[in-house]
């Protein structure tokens, strides 16, 4: 959806702007996916450590 809106916003301008929109949207999507993966990964590790400590006690 963001690529579509970006293409509509910069359709009258140079192709360089359209390429910048594509790079920005794709890099933002990749960054948010990596950050989400990191947050989920860290939260599941904390839960499994708590479960192991509870089982050992």
PDB file of N, CA and C in Angstrom:
ATOM      1  N   UNK A   1       0.827  -1.189   0.000  1.00  0.00           N
ATOM      2  CA  UNK A   1       0.000   0.000   0.000  1.00  0.00           C
ATOM      3  C   UNK A   1       0.871   1.253   0.000  1.00  0.00           C
ATOM      4  N   UNK A   2       1.937   1.244   0.754  1.00  0.00           N
ATOM      5  CA  UNK A   2       2.822   2.408   0.802  1.00  0.00           C
ATOM      6  C   UNK A   2       3.507   2.644  -0.533  1.00  0.00           C
ATOM      7  N   UNK A   3       3.865   1.575  -1.216  1.00  0.00           N
ATOM      8  CA  UNK A   3       4.471   1.737  -2.543  1.00  0.00           C
ATOM      9  C   UNK A   3       3.478   2.353  -3.522  1.00  0.00           C
ATOM     10  N   UNK A   4       2.220   1.960  -3.419  1.00  0.00           N
ATOM     11  CA  UNK A   4       1.178   2.508  -4.284  1.00  0.00           C
ATOM     12  C   UNK A   4       0.988   4.001  -4.025  1.00  0.00           C
ATOM     13  N   UNK A   5       0.911   4.372  -2.765  1.00  0.00           N
ATOM     14  CA  UNK A   5       0.719   5.788  -2.420  1.00  0.00           C
ATOM     15  C   UNK A   5       1.941   6.595  -2.823  1.00  0.00           C
ATOM     16  N   UNK A   6       3.123   6.041  -2.613  1.00  0.00           N
ATOM     17  CA  UNK A   6       4.336   6.739  -3.029  1.00  0.00           C
ATOM     18  C   UNK A   6       4.415   6.917  -4.527  1.00  0.00           C
ATOM     19  N   UNK A   7       3.992   5.920  -5.268  1.00  0.00           N
ATOM     20  CA  UNK A   7       4.010   6.050  -6.728  1.00  0.00           C
ATOM     21  C   UNK A   7       3.005   7.094  -7.207  1.00  0.00           C
ATOM     22  N   UNK A   8       1.869   7.197  -6.537  1.00  0.00           N
ATOM     23  CA  UNK A   8       0.900   8.227  -6.896  1.00  0.00           C
ATOM     24  C   UNK A   8       1.397   9.625  -6.527  1.00  0.00           C
ATOM     25  N   UNK A   9       2.097   9.726  -5.418  1.00  0.00           N
ATOM     26  CA  UNK A   9       2.566  11.030  -4.958  1.00  0.00           C
ATOM     27  C   UNK A   9       3.663  11.586  -5.854  1.00  0.00           C
ATOM     28  N   UNK A  10       4.509  10.720  -6.389  1.00  0.00           N
ATOM     29  CA  UNK A  10       5.651  11.183  -7.157  1.00  0.00           C
ATOM     30  C   UNK A  10       5.582  10.804  -8.631  1.00  0.00           C
ATOM     31  N   UNK A  11       4.389  10.582  -9.164  1.00  0.00           N
ATOM     32  CA  UNK A  11       4.286  10.165 -10.557  1.00  0.00           C
ATOM     33  C   UNK A  11       4.622  11.292 -11.529  1.00  0.00           C
ATOM     34  N   UNK A  12       4.459  12.536 -11.139  1.00  0.00           N
ATOM     35  CA  UNK A  12       4.762  13.666 -12.010  1.00  0.00           C
ATOM     36  C   UNK A  12       6.243  14.045 -11.979  1.00  0.00           C
ATOM     37  N   UNK A  13       6.960  13.549 -11.009  1.00  0.00           N
ATOM     38  CA  UNK A  13       8.362  13.933 -10.841  1.00  0.00           C
ATOM     39  C   UNK A  13       9.286  12.904 -11.489  1.00  0.00           C
ATOM     40  N   UNK A  14      10.544  13.072 -11.253  1.00  0.00           N
ATOM     41  CA  UNK A  14      11.583  12.228 -11.848  1.00  0.00           C
ATOM     42  C   UNK A  14      11.521  10.803 -11.290  1.00  0.00           C
ATOM     43  N   UNK A  15      12.079   9.870 -12.033  1.00  0.00           N
ATOM     44  CA  UNK A  15      12.118   8.459 -11.622  1.00  0.00           C
ATOM     45  C   UNK A  15      12.978   8.286 -10.369  1.00  0.00           C
ATOM     46  N   UNK A  16      13.904   9.187 -10.169  1.00  0.00           N
ATOM     47  CA  UNK A  16      14.770   9.122  -8.986  1.00  0.00           C
ATOM     48  C   UNK A  16      13.947   9.190  -7.699  1.00  0.00           C
ATOM     49  N   UNK A  17      12.910  10.003  -7.683  1.00  0.00           N
ATOM     50  CA  UNK A  17      12.052  10.099  -6.502  1.00  0.00           C
ATOM     51  C   UNK A  17      11.305   8.787  -6.258  1.00  0.00           C
ATOM     52  N   UNK A  18      10.847   8.187  -7.327  1.00  0.00           N
ATOM     53  CA  UNK A  18      10.129   6.915  -7.195  1.00  0.00           C
ATOM     54  C   UNK A  18      11.041   5.820  -6.666  1.00  0.00           C
ATOM     55  N   UNK A  19      12.276   5.798  -7.138  1.00  0.00           N
ATOM     56  CA  UNK A  19      13.242   4.824  -6.624  1.00  0.00           C
ATOM     57  C   UNK A  19      13.555   5.077  -5.154  1.00  0.00           C
ATOM     58  N   UNK A  20      13.630   6.339  -4.762  1.00  0.00           N
ATOM     59  CA  UNK A  20      13.875   6.672  -3.349  1.00  0.00           C
ATOM     60  C   UNK A  20      12.714   6.215  -2.471  1.00  0.00           C
ATOM     61  N   UNK A  21      11.488   6.356  -2.975  1.00  0.00           N
ATOM     62  CA  UNK A  21      10.310   5.905  -2.230  1.00  0.00           C
ATOM     63  C   UNK A  21      10.369   4.387  -2.050  1.00  0.00           C
ATOM     64  N   UNK A  22      10.694   3.674  -3.102  1.00  0.00           N
ATOM     65  CA  UNK A  22      10.776   2.211  -3.021  1.00  0.00           C
ATOM     66  C   UNK A  22      11.833   1.772  -2.020  1.00  0.00           C
ATOM     67  N   UNK A  23      13.005   2.391  -2.081  1.00  0.00           N
ATOM     68  CA  UNK A  23      14.086   2.029  -1.150  1.00  0.00           C
ATOM     69  C   UNK A  23      13.678   2.349   0.282  1.00  0.00           C
ATOM     70  N   UNK A  24      13.052   3.499   0.490  1.00  0.00           N
ATOM     71  CA  UNK A  24      12.632   3.884   1.835  1.00  0.00           C
ATOM     72  C   UNK A  24      11.580   2.954   2.416  1.00  0.00           C
ATOM     73  N   UNK A  25      10.603   2.595   1.613  1.00  0.00           N
ATOM     74  CA  UNK A  25       9.525   1.718   2.085  1.00  0.00           C
ATOM     75  C   UNK A  25      10.076   0.311   2.363  1.00  0.00           C
ATOM     76  N   UNK A  26      10.879  -0.201   1.466  1.00  0.00           N
ATOM     77  CA  UNK A  26      11.411  -1.548   1.659  1.00  0.00           C
ATOM     78  C   UNK A  26      12.390  -1.620   2.830  1.00  0.00           C
ATOM     79  N   UNK A  27      13.238  -0.610   2.981  1.00  0.00           N
ATOM     80  CA  UNK A  27      14.168  -0.631   4.116  1.00  0.00           C
ATOM     81  C   UNK A  27      13.418  -0.459   5.438  1.00  0.00           C
ATOM     82  N   UNK A  28      12.376   0.365   5.455  1.00  0.00           N
ATOM     83  CA  UNK A  28      11.567   0.501   6.667  1.00  0.00           C
ATOM     84  C   UNK A  28      10.840  -0.780   7.021  1.00  0.00           C
ATOM     85  N   UNK A  29      10.365  -1.491   6.013  1.00  0.00           N
ATOM     86  CA  UNK A  29       9.684  -2.764   6.260  1.00  0.00           C
ATOM     87  C   UNK A  29      10.649  -3.810   6.799  1.00  0.00           C
ATOM     88  N   UNK A  30      11.830  -3.868   6.225  1.00  0.00           N
ATOM     89  CA  UNK A  30      12.834  -4.833   6.693  1.00  0.00           C
ATOM     90  C   UNK A  30      13.266  -4.499   8.115  1.00  0.00           C
ATOM     91  N   UNK A  31      13.484  -3.214   8.394  1.00  0.00           N
ATOM     92  CA  UNK A  31      13.892  -2.806   9.736  1.00  0.00           C
ATOM     93  C   UNK A  31      12.816  -3.133  10.769  1.00  0.00           C
ATOM     94  N   UNK A  32      11.566  -2.887  10.450  1.00  0.00           N
ATOM     95  CA  UNK A  32      10.498  -3.184  11.409  1.00  0.00           C
ATOM     96  C   UNK A  32      10.330  -4.688  11.603  1.00  0.00           C
ATOM     97  N   UNK A  33      10.547  -5.481  10.552  1.00  0.00           N
ATOM     98  CA  UNK A  33      10.459  -6.934  10.694  1.00  0.00           C
ATOM     99  C   UNK A  33      11.584  -7.453  11.589  1.00  0.00           C
ATOM    100  N   UNK A  34      12.786  -6.939  11.412  1.00  0.00           N
ATOM    101  CA  UNK A  34      13.906  -7.375  12.253  1.00  0.00           C
ATOM    102  C   UNK A  34      13.715  -6.960  13.709  1.00  0.00           C
ATOM    103  N   UNK A  35      13.227  -5.744  13.914  1.00  0.00           N
ATOM    104  CA  UNK A  35      12.979  -5.284  15.279  1.00  0.00           C
ATOM    105  C   UNK A  35      11.875  -6.100  15.950  1.00  0.00           C
ATOM    106  N   UNK A  36      10.827  -6.409  15.213  1.00  0.00           N
ATOM    107  CA  UNK A  36       9.756  -7.246  15.762  1.00  0.00           C
ATOM    108  C   UNK A  36      10.234  -8.639  16.094  1.00  0.00           C
ATOM    109  N   UNK A  37      11.060  -9.218  15.222  1.00  0.00           N
ATOM    110  CA  UNK A  37      11.624 -10.534  15.488  1.00  0.00           C
ATOM    111  C   UNK A  37      12.487 -10.515  16.744  1.00  0.00           C
ATOM    112  N   UNK A  38      13.297  -9.472  16.899  1.00  0.00           N
ATOM    113  CA  UNK A  38      14.170  -9.355  18.070  1.00  0.00           C
ATOM    114  C   UNK A  38      13.350  -9.247  19.356  1.00  0.00           C
ATOM    115  N   UNK A  39      12.307  -8.440  19.333  1.00  0.00           N
ATOM    116  CA  UNK A  39      11.475  -8.269  20.529  1.00  0.00           C
ATOM    117  C   UNK A  39      10.768  -9.574  20.890  1.00  0.00           C
ATOM    118  N   UNK A  40      10.218 -10.255  19.905  1.00  0.00           N
ATOM    119  CA  UNK A  40       9.544 -11.524  20.167  1.00  0.00           C
ATOM    120  C   UNK A  40      10.540 -12.572  20.657  1.00  0.00           C
ATOM    121  N   UNK A  41      11.716 -12.605  20.054  1.00  0.00           N
ATOM    122  CA  UNK A  41      12.744 -13.565  20.453  1.00  0.00           C
ATOM    123  C   UNK A  41      13.171 -13.344  21.899  1.00  0.00           C
ATOM    124  N   UNK A  42      13.405 -12.086  22.276  1.00  0.00           N
ATOM    125  CA  UNK A  42      13.816 -11.784  23.646  1.00  0.00           C
ATOM    126  C   UNK A  42      12.712 -12.109  24.648  1.00  0.00           C
ATOM    127  N   UNK A  43      11.466 -11.866  24.299  1.00  0.00           N
ATOM    128  CA  UNK A  43      10.381 -12.125  25.242  1.00  0.00           C
ATOM    129  C   UNK A  43      10.157 -13.626  25.432  1.00  0.00           C
ATOM    130  N   UNK A  44      10.365 -14.422  24.408  1.00  0.00           N
ATOM    131  CA  UNK A  44      10.189 -15.871  24.570  1.00  0.00           C
ATOM    132  C   UNK A  44      11.341 -16.476  25.352  1.00  0.00           C
ATOM    133  N   UNK A  45      12.534 -15.917  25.241  1.00  0.00           N
ATOM    134  CA  UNK A  45      13.665 -16.444  26.018  1.00  0.00           C
ATOM    135  C   UNK A  45      13.421 -16.187  27.502  1.00  0.00           C
ATOM    136  N   UNK A  46      12.928 -15.017  27.860  1.00  0.00           N
ATOM    137  CA  UNK A  46      12.672 -14.705  29.262  1.00  0.00           C
ATOM    138  C   UNK A  46      11.623 -15.639  29.841  1.00  0.00           C
ATOM    139  N   UNK A  47      10.591 -15.961  29.077  1.00  0.00           N
ATOM    140  CA  UNK A  47       9.551 -16.857  29.563  1.00  0.00           C
ATOM    141  C   UNK A  47      10.095 -18.263  29.760  1.00  0.00           C
ATOM    142  N   UNK A  48      10.912 -18.760  28.836  1.00  0.00           N
ATOM    143  CA  UNK A  48      11.421 -20.117  28.976  1.00  0.00           C
ATOM    144  C   UNK A  48      12.406 -20.213  30.132  1.00  0.00           C
ATOM    145  N   UNK A  49      13.172 -19.165  30.405  1.00  0.00           N
ATOM    146  CA  UNK A  49      14.078 -19.174  31.555  1.00  0.00           C
ATOM    147  C   UNK A  49      13.286 -19.199  32.847  1.00  0.00           C
ATOM    148  N   UNK A  50      12.200 -18.443  32.916  1.00  0.00           N
ATOM    149  CA  UNK A  50      11.361 -18.451  34.117  1.00  0.00           C
ATOM    150  C   UNK A  50      10.740 -19.828  34.329  1.00  0.00           C
ATOM    151  N   UNK A  51      10.332 -20.493  33.262  1.00  0.00           N
ATOM    152  CA  UNK A  51       9.739 -21.818  33.386  1.00  0.00           C
ATOM    153  C   UNK A  51      10.759 -22.840  33.889  1.00  0.00           C
ATOM    154  N   UNK A  52      12.001 -22.747  33.401  1.00  0.00           N
ATOM    155  CA  UNK A  52      13.038 -23.671  33.835  1.00  0.00           C
ATOM    156  C   UNK A  52      13.356 -23.442  35.301  1.00  0.00           C
ATOM    157  N   UNK A  53      13.452 -22.210  35.731  1.00  0.00           N
ATOM    158  CA  UNK A  53      13.739 -21.922  37.145  1.00  0.00           C
ATOM    159  C   UNK A  53      12.608 -22.419  38.040  1.00  0.00           C
ATOM    160  N   UNK A  54      11.357 -22.294  37.553  1.00  0.00           N
ATOM    161  CA  UNK A  54      10.219 -22.738  38.346  1.00  0.00           C
ATOM    162  C   UNK A  54      10.221 -24.268  38.459  1.00  0.00           C
ATOM    163  N   UNK A  55      10.592 -24.974  37.397  1.00  0.00           N
ATOM    164  CA  UNK A  55      10.610 -26.427  37.429  1.00  0.00           C
ATOM    165  C   UNK A  55      11.749 -26.949  38.318  1.00  0.00           C
ATOM    166  N   UNK A  56      12.853 -26.214  38.403  1.00  0.00           N
ATOM    167  CA  UNK A  56      13.989 -26.658  39.204  1.00  0.00           C
ATOM    168  C   UNK A  56      13.742 -26.468  40.694  1.00  0.00           C
ATOM    169  N   UNK A  57      12.879 -25.546  41.052  1.00  0.00           N
ATOM    170  CA  UNK A  57      12.654 -25.253  42.474  1.00  0.00           C
ATOM    171  C   UNK A  57      11.787 -26.276  43.147  1.00  0.00           C
TER     172      UNK A  57
END
